[in-house]
Amino acid sequence: MTCWVPSMVPLSHAAAFAVAAFIIIVLPRPNVLFAIGRASTLGRRPAILSVLGAVAGSTVPLITIAPAFASAK
């Protein structure tokens, strides 16, 4: 029986991942811009409700699709 030993990630791949992750984290997403716009025009409560709506809009499809991915082999 052979044992699989993971190898180190090449430095070039790690650097590319770090750059991509930094760009994704730093750039504001559409939901963030929407919440900032709502907060600046309507105030805190509508902005919080907008964020909750965006979270619900992202969570419902995720929950409905998750069982299909869990059962896939």
C-alpha atoms as a PDB file:
ATOM      1  CA  MET A   1       0.000   0.000   0.000  1.00  0.00           C
ATOM      2  CA  THR A   2       1.450   3.323  -1.013  1.00  0.00           C
ATOM      3  CA  CYS A   3       0.901   6.497   0.903  1.00  0.00           C
ATOM      4  CA  TRP A   4       0.161   9.700  -0.942  1.00  0.00           C
ATOM      5  CA  VAL A   5       2.370  12.565   0.190  1.00  0.00           C
ATOM      6  CA  PRO A   6       1.286  16.053  -0.817  1.00  0.00           C
ATOM      7  CA  SER A   7       3.895  18.216  -2.444  1.00  0.00           C
ATOM      8  CA  MET A   8       4.544  21.874  -1.843  1.00  0.00           C
ATOM      9  CA  VAL A   9       2.692  24.398  -3.965  1.00  0.00           C
ATOM     10  CA  PRO A  10       5.085  26.103  -6.391  1.00  0.00           C
ATOM     11  CA  LEU A  11       5.932  29.664  -5.411  1.00  0.00           C
ATOM     12  CA  SER A  12       4.581  31.015  -8.709  1.00  0.00           C
ATOM     13  CA  HIS A  13       1.168  29.434  -8.039  1.00  0.00           C
ATOM     14  CA  ALA A  14       1.101  30.727  -4.461  1.00  0.00           C
ATOM     15  CA  ALA A  15       2.002  34.226  -5.656  1.00  0.00           C
ATOM     16  CA  ALA A  16      -0.698  34.171  -8.343  1.00  0.00           C
ATOM     17  CA  PHE A  17      -3.235  33.002  -5.771  1.00  0.00           C
ATOM     18  CA  ALA A  18      -2.194  35.747  -3.345  1.00  0.00           C
ATOM     19  CA  VAL A  19      -2.552  38.434  -6.025  1.00  0.00           C
ATOM     20  CA  ALA A  20      -5.969  37.128  -7.124  1.00  0.00           C
ATOM     21  CA  ALA A  21      -7.196  36.869  -3.528  1.00  0.00           C
ATOM     22  CA  PHE A  22      -5.998  40.394  -2.786  1.00  0.00           C
ATOM     23  CA  ILE A  23      -7.837  41.796  -5.822  1.00  0.00           C
ATOM     24  CA  ILE A  24     -11.040  39.948  -4.948  1.00  0.00           C
ATOM     25  CA  ILE A  25     -10.897  41.121  -1.322  1.00  0.00           C
ATOM     26  CA  VAL A  26      -9.954  44.756  -2.007  1.00  0.00           C
ATOM     27  CA  LEU A  27     -12.384  45.546  -4.823  1.00  0.00           C
ATOM     28  CA  PRO A  28     -15.889  46.298  -3.591  1.00  0.00           C
ATOM     29  CA  ARG A  29     -18.523  43.938  -4.910  1.00  0.00           C
ATOM     30  CA  PRO A  30     -21.895  45.152  -6.272  1.00  0.00           C
ATOM     31  CA  ASN A  31     -23.682  44.334  -3.001  1.00  0.00           C
ATOM     32  CA  VAL A  32     -21.219  46.463  -1.042  1.00  0.00           C
ATOM     33  CA  LEU A  33     -21.656  49.393  -3.416  1.00  0.00           C
ATOM     34  CA  PHE A  34     -25.434  48.984  -3.192  1.00  0.00           C
ATOM     35  CA  ALA A  35     -25.355  49.005   0.624  1.00  0.00           C
ATOM     36  CA  ILE A  36     -23.101  52.069   0.686  1.00  0.00           C
ATOM     37  CA  GLY A  37     -25.432  53.852  -1.720  1.00  0.00           C
ATOM     38  CA  ARG A  38     -28.486  52.975   0.362  1.00  0.00           C
ATOM     39  CA  ALA A  39     -26.755  54.067   3.562  1.00  0.00           C
ATOM     40  CA  SER A  40     -25.656  57.385   2.112  1.00  0.00           C
ATOM     41  CA  THR A  41     -29.077  58.242   0.693  1.00  0.00           C
ATOM     42  CA  LEU A  42     -31.579  56.600   3.036  1.00  0.00           C
ATOM     43  CA  GLY A  43     -29.724  55.893   6.269  1.00  0.00           C
ATOM     44  CA  ARG A  44     -28.640  52.954   8.372  1.00  0.00           C
ATOM     45  CA  ARG A  45     -31.870  50.945   8.654  1.00  0.00           C
ATOM     46  CA  PRO A  46     -32.559  50.673   4.878  1.00  0.00           C
ATOM     47  CA  ALA A  47     -28.898  49.777   4.322  1.00  0.00           C
ATOM     48  CA  ILE A  48     -29.063  46.969   6.903  1.00  0.00           C
ATOM     49  CA  LEU A  49     -32.287  45.680   5.353  1.00  0.00           C
ATOM     50  CA  SER A  50     -30.624  45.773   1.925  1.00  0.00           C
ATOM     51  CA  VAL A  51     -27.683  43.748   3.223  1.00  0.00           C
ATOM     52  CA  LEU A  52     -30.042  41.209   4.786  1.00  0.00           C
ATOM     53  CA  GLY A  53     -31.880  40.949   1.468  1.00  0.00           C
ATOM     54  CA  ALA A  54     -28.627  40.411  -0.409  1.00  0.00           C
ATOM     55  CA  VAL A  55     -27.583  37.709   2.066  1.00  0.00           C
ATOM     56  CA  ALA A  56     -30.958  35.983   1.724  1.00  0.00           C
ATOM     57  CA  GLY A  57     -30.695  36.216  -2.048  1.00  0.00           C
ATOM     58  CA  SER A  58     -27.326  34.484  -1.942  1.00  0.00           C
ATOM     59  CA  THR A  59     -28.179  31.929   0.744  1.00  0.00           C
ATOM     60  CA  VAL A  60     -31.394  30.507  -0.703  1.00  0.00           C
ATOM     61  CA  PRO A  61     -29.817  29.276  -3.981  1.00  0.00           C
ATOM     62  CA  LEU A  62     -26.811  27.975  -2.067  1.00  0.00           C
ATOM     63  CA  ILE A  63     -28.999  25.921   0.261  1.00  0.00           C
ATOM     64  CA  THR A  64     -31.070  24.536  -2.611  1.00  0.00           C
ATOM     65  CA  ILE A  65     -28.028  23.576  -4.691  1.00  0.00           C
ATOM     66  CA  ALA A  66     -25.876  22.173  -1.844  1.00  0.00           C
ATOM     67  CA  PRO A  67     -27.584  18.743  -1.700  1.00  0.00           C
ATOM     68  CA  ALA A  68     -26.876  18.190  -5.396  1.00  0.00           C
ATOM     69  CA  PHE A  69     -23.176  18.846  -4.853  1.00  0.00           C
ATOM     70  CA  ALA A  70     -23.110  16.716  -1.727  1.00  0.00           C
ATOM     71  CA  SER A  71     -24.567  13.730  -3.558  1.00  0.00           C
ATOM     72  CA  ALA A  72     -22.298  14.112  -6.645  1.00  0.00           C
ATOM     73  CA  LYS A  73     -19.402  11.712  -6.817  1.00  0.00           C
END
